[in-house]
């Protein structure tokens, strides 16, 4: 997750353009950053991954982009509390409830 990588630069460009489009309509733009279960595990256990994640989000969320990185919230709980849907690749109902609560918490800070 090198902030100087082409992928990160492209993502930053897309996010910046989305923000400009939304703001041109007199609306507010914000970005929710939702980690995967494997992201959470690595963030909790690997200092180098944590550093890379934090650098990536700082880069994406620069230049006035309002971001809500849910990694900090998810890193405070055990991944055993996470569930997945029937296909096993998407978060399930319990995790989606956590996501909703985390977003509400950030919006009303």
Protein backbone atom coordinates (compact mmCIF):
# COMPACT_ATOMS: atom_id res chain seq x y z
CA UNK A 1 0.00 0.00 0.00
CA UNK A 2 2.58 2.51 -1.12
CA UNK A 3 0.97 5.98 -1.27
CA UNK A 4 3.25 6.80 -4.18
CA UNK A 5 2.10 3.78 -6.21
CA UNK A 6 0.14 4.19 -9.40
CA UNK A 7 -2.85 2.41 -7.86
CA UNK A 8 -3.01 4.79 -4.90
CA UNK A 9 -2.58 7.81 -7.16
CA UNK A 10 -5.45 6.61 -9.36
CA UNK A 11 -7.67 5.96 -6.33
CA UNK A 12 -6.85 9.41 -4.93
CA UNK A 13 -7.76 10.95 -8.30
CA UNK A 14 -11.09 9.11 -8.40
CA UNK A 15 -11.95 10.11 -4.82
CA UNK A 16 -10.98 13.74 -5.50
CA UNK A 17 -13.12 13.86 -8.64
CA UNK A 18 -16.10 12.33 -6.82
CA UNK A 19 -15.71 14.96 -4.09
CA UNK A 20 -15.58 17.77 -6.67
CA UNK A 21 -18.71 16.49 -8.40
CA UNK A 22 -20.65 16.21 -5.14
CA UNK A 23 -19.47 19.61 -3.91
CA UNK A 24 -20.40 21.23 -7.24
CA UNK A 25 -24.00 20.33 -6.38
CA UNK A 26 -23.69 22.08 -3.00
CA UNK A 27 -23.61 18.74 -1.20
CA UNK A 28 -21.10 17.32 1.26
CA UNK A 29 -18.83 14.44 0.29
CA UNK A 30 -17.36 11.93 2.69
CA UNK A 31 -15.62 8.62 2.16
CA UNK A 32 -16.05 5.55 4.35
CA UNK A 33 -12.98 3.30 4.41
CA UNK A 34 -14.06 -0.24 5.25
CA UNK A 35 -11.33 -2.80 5.95
CA UNK A 36 -11.68 -6.47 5.15
CA UNK A 37 -11.28 -9.07 7.87
CA UNK A 38 -7.76 -9.86 6.63
CA UNK A 39 -6.92 -6.13 6.72
CA UNK A 40 -8.06 -5.99 10.34
CA UNK A 41 -6.00 -9.03 11.34
CA UNK A 42 -2.86 -7.67 9.68
CA UNK A 43 -3.43 -4.22 11.15
CA UNK A 44 -3.72 -5.72 14.63
CA UNK A 45 -0.66 -7.96 14.31
CA UNK A 46 1.81 -6.37 11.87
CA UNK A 47 3.36 -3.01 12.66
CA UNK A 48 4.51 -2.57 9.05
CA UNK A 49 0.98 -3.18 7.77
CA UNK A 50 -0.44 -0.72 10.30
CA UNK A 51 2.07 1.89 9.15
CA UNK A 52 1.23 1.26 5.47
CA UNK A 53 -2.53 1.41 6.15
CA UNK A 54 -2.21 4.67 8.08
CA UNK A 55 -0.06 6.20 5.31
CA UNK A 56 -2.53 5.05 2.64
CA UNK A 57 -5.53 6.54 4.43
CA UNK A 58 -3.67 9.77 5.18
CA UNK A 59 -2.87 10.08 1.46
CA UNK A 60 -6.41 9.27 0.27
CA UNK A 61 -7.95 11.54 2.91
CA UNK A 62 -5.74 14.56 2.25
CA UNK A 63 -6.65 17.79 0.47
CA UNK A 64 -9.83 18.35 2.44
CA UNK A 65 -11.42 14.95 1.75
CA UNK A 66 -13.60 13.98 4.72
CA UNK A 67 -12.95 10.33 5.54
CA UNK A 68 -14.19 7.92 8.13
CA UNK A 69 -11.65 5.12 8.40
CA UNK A 70 -13.37 2.30 10.24
CA UNK A 71 -10.08 0.46 10.84
CA UNK A 72 -9.57 2.14 14.21
CA UNK A 73 -13.00 0.93 15.33
CA UNK A 74 -12.54 -2.60 13.99
CA UNK A 75 -9.03 -2.91 15.42
CA UNK A 76 -10.52 -2.53 18.91
CA UNK A 77 -12.54 -5.75 18.67
CA UNK A 78 -11.75 -9.40 18.13
CA UNK A 79 -12.26 -10.61 14.57
CA UNK A 80 -14.23 -13.48 16.13
CA UNK A 81 -17.06 -10.95 16.48
CA UNK A 82 -17.28 -10.59 12.68
CA UNK A 83 -19.62 -12.66 10.58
CA UNK A 84 -20.09 -13.15 6.85
CA UNK A 85 -23.07 -13.58 4.59
CA UNK A 86 -24.07 -16.80 2.87
CA UNK A 87 -21.39 -16.49 0.19
CA UNK A 88 -18.65 -16.13 2.82
CA UNK A 89 -17.09 -13.15 1.08
CA UNK A 90 -19.21 -10.26 2.34
CA UNK A 91 -19.85 -9.11 5.88
CA UNK A 92 -22.95 -10.55 7.50
CA UNK A 93 -25.75 -9.01 9.56
CA UNK A 94 -23.84 -8.67 12.85
CA UNK A 95 -20.86 -7.01 11.19
CA UNK A 96 -23.12 -4.75 9.14
CA UNK A 97 -24.73 -3.61 12.40
CA UNK A 98 -21.25 -2.80 13.74
CA UNK A 99 -20.48 -0.87 10.54
CA UNK A 100 -23.70 1.14 10.87
CA UNK A 101 -22.95 1.95 14.50
CA UNK A 102 -19.38 2.99 13.70
CA UNK A 103 -20.57 5.28 10.92
CA UNK A 104 -23.19 6.86 13.17
CA UNK A 105 -20.53 7.38 15.85
CA UNK A 106 -18.26 9.16 13.36
CA UNK A 107 -21.04 11.30 11.90
CA UNK A 108 -22.11 12.57 15.31
CA UNK A 109 -18.64 13.20 16.75
